[in-house]
Amino acid sequence: MTNPAKVKVKKNSEFLRVMRQMSKNKAAMLGMAILVVEVILAILAPYIIPYDYTAMDMTACFATPSAQHFFGCDDMGRDIFSRVLYGARFSLTSGIAAVAIALVIGMAIGAVAGFFGGWVDNIVMRLLDVIQAIPGMVMMVVISAVLGPGFVNTIIAMAFGSIPGMARMLRAQMLKVRDNEYIEAAVSINCSKLRIVMNHLIPNCMSPMIVQATMGVAQTITLAAGLSFIGLGVQPPTPEWGAMLAAARQFIRQAPHLVIFPGLAIAITVLSLNLMGDGLRDALDPKLKV
């Protein structure tokens, strides 16, 4: 009988191995550090922003960056630094939530297709083909238009568009491992199909899914900004980065700082997630295990 303490040590050692491997990648650690700082700032935003993100000061309209307003003010005299900082809550949450929903549903679909195969796999894959035949951005625009603009509806639209990719990746990984000896051993001792999938197949397919999810958060943050930019995502006065860009685009010549700082926030966040995703991919590569 397996000792639970030994299993726990083994899991911890695997986590520590991945972290040690990542620590050798300076770019990945930089990306992780930036992301951790952003998350902390987003959580503490209500307590550290210097001004209320909705407070308007008409005497400070289009104010340039200064000691009083670090990032300047927008066309309504609202402090851009406070809005960018608070907007991290909406942008990061939308990206993480959409990927989490897509990951759970996609893994369920991919597990069914990959484990059972045959006609079940064919039906699932053909349905995913139909969904993926529609360009992702077009599908998200249609879903957002049908559901209406808003924070929750934006998350639903982005999650739906990401499900096929997650499902296909897990299916591909399961096709590689379902014929391994330990799966045959589990079948031979009459393990239930659910137990085989949950305890044996999915844990051994998680490495690429983790990398895909990390990269997916960066992509969904960009897509959320795009939906907000065209008016189908988060709506003003909510300080989401894409919505801030949309509101500021008409003043790009008059006051470029209105566009620069929300744009930099998106770029830095996406870059940090991509750096961390690259590091995770290398750290989880079994060929690089030491």
Protein backbone atom coordinates (compact mmCIF):
# COMPACT_ATOMS: atom_id res chain seq x y z
CA MET A 1 0.00 0.00 0.00
CA THR A 2 1.34 3.43 -0.98
CA ASN A 3 2.36 5.69 1.85
CA PRO A 4 0.51 9.08 1.48
CA ALA A 5 3.50 10.89 2.96
CA LYS A 6 5.76 9.55 0.23
CA VAL A 7 3.29 10.63 -2.46
CA LYS A 8 3.21 14.12 -0.99
CA VAL A 9 7.00 14.34 -0.94
CA LYS A 10 7.12 13.19 -4.54
CA LYS A 11 4.66 15.90 -5.64
CA ASN A 12 6.52 18.56 -3.71
CA SER A 13 9.83 17.47 -5.19
CA GLU A 14 8.37 17.71 -8.71
CA PHE A 15 7.19 21.25 -8.00
CA LEU A 16 10.57 22.18 -6.59
CA ARG A 17 12.28 20.63 -9.61
CA VAL A 18 10.22 22.78 -11.96
CA MET A 19 10.97 25.89 -9.91
CA ARG A 20 14.68 25.08 -9.87
CA GLN A 21 14.62 24.60 -13.62
CA MET A 22 12.77 27.87 -14.10
CA SER A 23 15.20 29.72 -11.83
CA LYS A 24 17.92 29.04 -14.40
CA ASN A 25 15.91 31.02 -16.97
CA LYS A 26 16.36 34.70 -16.07
CA ALA A 27 13.76 35.86 -18.58
CA ALA A 28 11.14 33.51 -17.12
CA MET A 29 11.88 34.67 -13.59
CA LEU A 30 11.64 38.29 -14.72
CA GLY A 31 8.25 37.58 -16.27
CA MET A 32 7.07 35.83 -13.10
CA ALA A 33 8.28 38.70 -10.92
CA ILE A 34 6.45 41.28 -13.05
CA LEU A 35 3.27 39.22 -12.98
CA VAL A 36 3.42 38.73 -9.21
CA VAL A 37 3.91 42.45 -8.70
CA GLU A 38 0.96 43.22 -11.00
CA VAL A 39 -1.29 40.78 -9.15
CA ILE A 40 -0.33 42.25 -5.78
CA LEU A 41 -0.93 45.79 -7.04
CA ALA A 42 -4.30 44.75 -8.50
CA ILE A 43 -5.38 43.20 -5.20
CA LEU A 44 -4.27 46.22 -3.17
CA ALA A 45 -5.44 48.78 -5.75
CA PRO A 46 -8.41 50.12 -3.70
CA TYR A 47 -6.01 50.94 -0.85
CA ILE A 48 -3.05 52.37 -2.76
CA ILE A 49 -4.52 54.38 -5.64
CA PRO A 50 -3.96 58.08 -4.96
CA TYR A 51 -7.37 59.15 -6.37
CA ASP A 52 -10.76 57.57 -6.87
CA TYR A 53 -10.70 56.16 -10.42
CA THR A 54 -14.11 57.78 -11.12
CA ALA A 55 -13.30 61.18 -9.58
CA MET A 56 -13.30 63.98 -12.15
CA ASP A 57 -11.39 67.25 -11.92
CA MET A 58 -12.28 69.46 -14.86
CA THR A 59 -9.39 71.79 -14.06
CA ALA A 60 -6.94 68.93 -14.73
CA CYS A 61 -8.27 67.73 -18.10
CA PHE A 62 -5.44 66.37 -20.30
CA ALA A 63 -2.91 67.12 -17.56
CA THR A 64 0.48 65.73 -18.48
CA PRO A 65 2.42 63.36 -16.19
CA SER A 66 3.65 65.13 -13.06
CA ALA A 67 4.38 64.55 -9.39
CA GLN A 68 0.70 65.11 -8.64
CA HIS A 69 -0.59 62.80 -11.39
CA PHE A 70 2.06 60.21 -12.27
CA PHE A 71 0.48 59.24 -15.61
CA GLY A 72 -1.42 62.48 -16.16
CA CYS A 73 -5.20 62.88 -16.48
CA ASP A 74 -7.70 61.97 -19.18
CA ASP A 75 -10.24 64.18 -20.98
CA MET A 76 -12.49 64.20 -17.90
CA GLY A 77 -9.73 64.98 -15.43
CA ARG A 78 -9.55 61.45 -14.01
CA ASP A 79 -6.18 60.24 -12.77
CA ILE A 80 -4.77 57.76 -15.31
CA PHE A 81 -2.40 56.11 -12.85
CA SER A 82 -5.31 55.21 -10.56
CA ARG A 83 -7.36 53.94 -13.49
CA VAL A 84 -4.52 51.82 -14.92
CA LEU A 85 -3.79 50.35 -11.49
CA TYR A 86 -7.43 49.58 -10.76
CA GLY A 87 -7.98 48.39 -14.32
CA ALA A 88 -5.49 45.58 -13.72
CA ARG A 89 -8.22 43.92 -11.65
CA PHE A 90 -10.56 43.67 -14.61
CA SER A 91 -7.97 42.85 -17.27
CA LEU A 92 -6.15 40.14 -15.27
CA THR A 93 -9.38 38.67 -13.90
CA SER A 94 -10.98 38.46 -17.34
CA GLY A 95 -7.93 36.71 -18.80
CA ILE A 96 -7.48 34.24 -15.95
CA ALA A 97 -11.20 33.48 -15.58
CA ALA A 98 -11.75 32.92 -19.31
CA VAL A 99 -8.78 30.53 -19.53
CA ALA A 100 -9.84 28.69 -16.36
CA ILE A 101 -13.35 28.10 -17.73
CA ALA A 102 -12.00 27.05 -21.13
CA LEU A 103 -9.45 24.75 -19.46
CA VAL A 104 -12.03 22.90 -17.36
CA ILE A 105 -14.56 22.45 -20.17
CA GLY A 106 -11.91 21.75 -22.80
CA MET A 107 -10.23 19.12 -20.62
CA ALA A 108 -13.57 17.38 -20.07
CA ILE A 109 -14.29 17.28 -23.80
CA GLY A 110 -10.74 16.28 -24.73
CA ALA A 111 -10.67 13.55 -22.07
CA VAL A 112 -13.86 11.97 -23.41
CA ALA A 113 -12.62 12.09 -27.01
CA GLY A 114 -9.12 10.89 -26.22
CA PHE A 115 -10.06 8.07 -23.89
CA PHE A 116 -12.99 6.50 -25.74
CA GLY A 117 -11.82 7.14 -29.31
CA GLY A 118 -13.77 5.61 -32.20
CA TRP A 119 -17.11 7.17 -33.10
CA VAL A 120 -17.12 9.29 -29.93
CA ASP A 121 -13.81 10.86 -30.93
CA ASN A 122 -15.04 11.42 -34.50
CA ILE A 123 -18.22 13.19 -33.41
CA VAL A 124 -16.42 15.41 -30.87
CA MET A 125 -13.65 16.32 -33.32
CA ARG A 126 -16.07 17.17 -36.11
CA LEU A 127 -18.02 19.46 -33.78
CA LEU A 128 -14.78 21.16 -32.79
CA ASP A 129 -13.89 21.50 -36.48
CA VAL A 130 -17.15 23.36 -37.06
CA ILE A 131 -16.43 25.74 -34.18
CA GLN A 132 -12.82 26.31 -35.23
CA ALA A 133 -13.87 26.96 -38.83
CA ILE A 134 -15.14 30.34 -37.60
CA PRO A 135 -12.33 32.84 -36.93
CA GLY A 136 -11.87 33.22 -33.18
CA MET A 137 -12.24 37.00 -33.05
CA VAL A 138 -15.35 36.91 -35.24
CA MET A 139 -16.94 34.31 -32.96
CA MET A 140 -16.17 36.37 -29.86
CA VAL A 141 -17.63 39.48 -31.47
CA VAL A 142 -20.82 37.57 -32.37
CA ILE A 143 -21.18 36.08 -28.88
CA SER A 144 -20.54 39.45 -27.24
CA ALA A 145 -23.06 41.10 -29.55
CA VAL A 146 -25.68 38.47 -28.71
CA LEU A 147 -25.08 38.47 -24.95
CA GLY A 148 -24.45 42.19 -24.79
CA PRO A 149 -21.41 44.10 -23.53
CA GLY A 150 -20.21 43.62 -19.99
CA PHE A 151 -17.50 42.07 -17.86
CA VAL A 152 -19.10 38.63 -17.35
CA ASN A 153 -20.29 38.36 -20.96
CA THR A 154 -16.78 39.17 -22.19
CA ILE A 155 -15.37 36.32 -20.10
CA ILE A 156 -17.99 33.91 -21.50
CA ALA A 157 -17.26 34.95 -25.09
CA MET A 158 -13.50 34.51 -24.69
CA ALA A 159 -13.85 31.20 -22.84
CA PHE A 160 -16.06 29.72 -25.55
CA GLY A 161 -13.55 30.61 -28.24
CA SER A 162 -10.70 28.95 -26.32
CA ILE A 163 -12.41 25.63 -25.56
CA PRO A 164 -11.61 23.84 -28.89
CA GLY A 165 -7.88 24.49 -28.59
CA MET A 166 -7.77 23.17 -25.02
CA ALA A 167 -9.82 20.10 -25.95
CA ARG A 168 -7.63 19.25 -28.93
CA MET A 169 -4.42 19.56 -26.95
CA LEU A 170 -5.60 17.26 -24.15
CA ARG A 171 -6.94 14.75 -26.68
CA ALA A 172 -3.57 14.68 -28.47
CA GLN A 173 -1.74 14.09 -25.20
CA MET A 174 -4.14 11.35 -24.13
CA LEU A 175 -3.70 9.51 -27.42
CA LYS A 176 0.03 9.36 -26.62
CA VAL A 177 -0.32 7.95 -23.11
CA ARG A 178 -3.51 5.86 -23.12
CA ASP A 179 -1.69 2.79 -24.48
CA ASN A 180 1.11 2.88 -21.92
CA GLU A 181 1.69 -0.05 -19.59
CA TYR A 182 0.37 1.64 -16.45
CA ILE A 183 -2.98 2.26 -18.19
CA GLU A 184 -3.15 -1.40 -19.22
CA ALA A 185 -2.38 -2.36 -15.62
CA ALA A 186 -5.18 -0.13 -14.33
CA VAL A 187 -7.61 -1.69 -16.80
CA SER A 188 -6.49 -5.21 -15.84
CA ILE A 189 -7.41 -4.65 -12.18
CA ASN A 190 -10.86 -3.32 -13.16
CA CYS A 191 -10.30 0.35 -12.37
CA SER A 192 -13.29 2.43 -13.39
CA LYS A 193 -12.98 4.51 -16.53
CA LEU A 194 -13.48 7.69 -14.54
CA ARG A 195 -10.68 6.76 -12.16
CA ILE A 196 -8.33 5.91 -15.01
CA VAL A 197 -9.00 9.25 -16.67
CA MET A 198 -8.81 11.35 -13.48
CA ASN A 199 -5.98 9.58 -11.66
CA HIS A 200 -3.76 8.32 -14.46
CA LEU A 201 -4.39 10.01 -17.80
CA ILE A 202 -5.06 13.66 -16.99
CA PRO A 203 -2.19 14.07 -14.45
CA ASN A 204 0.25 12.74 -17.06
CA CYS A 205 -1.09 15.16 -19.67
CA MET A 206 -1.05 18.32 -17.57
CA SER A 207 2.38 19.73 -18.44
CA PRO A 208 1.49 21.04 -21.92
CA MET A 209 -1.92 22.15 -20.63
CA ILE A 210 -0.25 24.35 -17.99
CA VAL A 211 1.93 25.96 -20.63
CA GLN A 212 -1.05 26.42 -22.96
CA ALA A 213 -3.07 28.03 -20.17
CA THR A 214 -0.27 30.45 -19.30
CA MET A 215 0.08 31.52 -22.91
CA GLY A 216 -3.72 31.61 -23.20
CA VAL A 217 -4.05 34.18 -20.42
CA ALA A 218 -1.82 36.57 -22.39
CA GLN A 219 -3.90 36.02 -25.51
CA THR A 220 -7.23 36.50 -23.75
CA ILE A 221 -6.07 39.74 -22.11
CA THR A 222 -5.29 41.05 -25.59
CA LEU A 223 -8.64 39.83 -26.92
CA ALA A 224 -10.49 41.38 -23.98
CA ALA A 225 -8.80 44.69 -24.73
CA GLY A 226 -9.81 44.29 -28.37
CA LEU A 227 -13.46 43.64 -27.51
CA SER A 228 -13.52 46.61 -25.15
CA PHE A 229 -11.84 48.73 -27.82
CA ILE A 230 -14.68 48.11 -30.29
CA GLY A 231 -17.32 48.65 -27.61
CA LEU A 232 -18.38 45.04 -26.99
CA GLY A 233 -16.38 44.35 -23.84
CA VAL A 234 -16.20 46.10 -20.49
CA GLN A 235 -18.02 49.43 -20.64
CA PRO A 236 -16.99 52.86 -19.32
CA PRO A 237 -16.54 54.14 -16.68
CA THR A 238 -15.00 50.77 -15.69
CA PRO A 239 -11.23 51.32 -16.07
CA GLU A 240 -10.42 48.27 -18.20
CA TRP A 241 -7.27 48.82 -20.28
CA GLY A 242 -8.92 48.19 -23.65
CA ALA A 243 -11.83 50.47 -22.78
CA MET A 244 -9.34 53.17 -21.76
CA LEU A 245 -7.62 52.87 -25.14
CA ALA A 246 -10.95 53.10 -26.93
CA ALA A 247 -11.94 56.24 -25.03
CA ALA A 248 -8.52 57.85 -25.62
CA ARG A 249 -8.01 57.10 -29.32
CA GLN A 250 -9.65 60.33 -30.47
CA PHE A 251 -7.13 62.31 -28.38
CA ILE A 252 -4.01 60.45 -29.49
CA ARG A 253 -2.51 63.55 -31.17
CA GLN A 254 -3.60 66.01 -28.53
CA ALA A 255 -2.67 63.94 -25.46
CA PRO A 256 -0.72 60.80 -26.39
CA HIS A 257 -0.17 59.86 -22.74
CA LEU A 258 -3.83 58.82 -22.58
CA VAL A 259 -2.97 55.94 -24.94
CA ILE A 260 0.64 55.25 -23.95
CA PHE A 261 0.12 54.11 -20.35
CA PRO A 262 -2.83 51.69 -20.85
CA GLY A 263 -1.03 50.34 -23.92
CA LEU A 264 2.16 49.82 -21.93
CA ALA A 265 0.19 48.01 -19.21
CA ILE A 266 -1.19 45.55 -21.78
CA ALA A 267 2.20 45.09 -23.47
CA ILE A 268 4.11 44.51 -20.21
CA THR A 269 1.51 42.04 -18.92
CA VAL A 270 1.43 40.03 -22.14
CA LEU A 271 5.23 40.03 -22.35
CA SER A 272 5.60 38.80 -18.75
CA LEU A 273 3.09 35.97 -19.34
CA ASN A 274 4.85 34.92 -22.54
CA LEU A 275 8.25 34.91 -20.83
CA MET A 276 6.86 32.84 -17.99
CA GLY A 277 5.13 30.49 -20.42
CA ASP A 278 8.38 29.90 -22.30
CA GLY A 279 10.15 29.16 -19.03
CA LEU A 280 7.43 26.74 -17.94
CA ARG A 281 7.58 24.95 -21.28
CA ASP A 282 11.31 24.37 -20.86
CA ALA A 283 11.02 23.45 -17.18
CA LEU A 284 8.24 20.90 -17.84
CA ASP A 285 10.03 19.32 -20.77
CA PRO A 286 10.87 15.75 -19.67
CA LYS A 287 14.02 15.82 -21.81
CA LEU A 288 15.43 18.54 -19.59
CA LYS A 289 14.79 16.77 -16.28
CA VAL A 290 17.88 16.53 -14.08
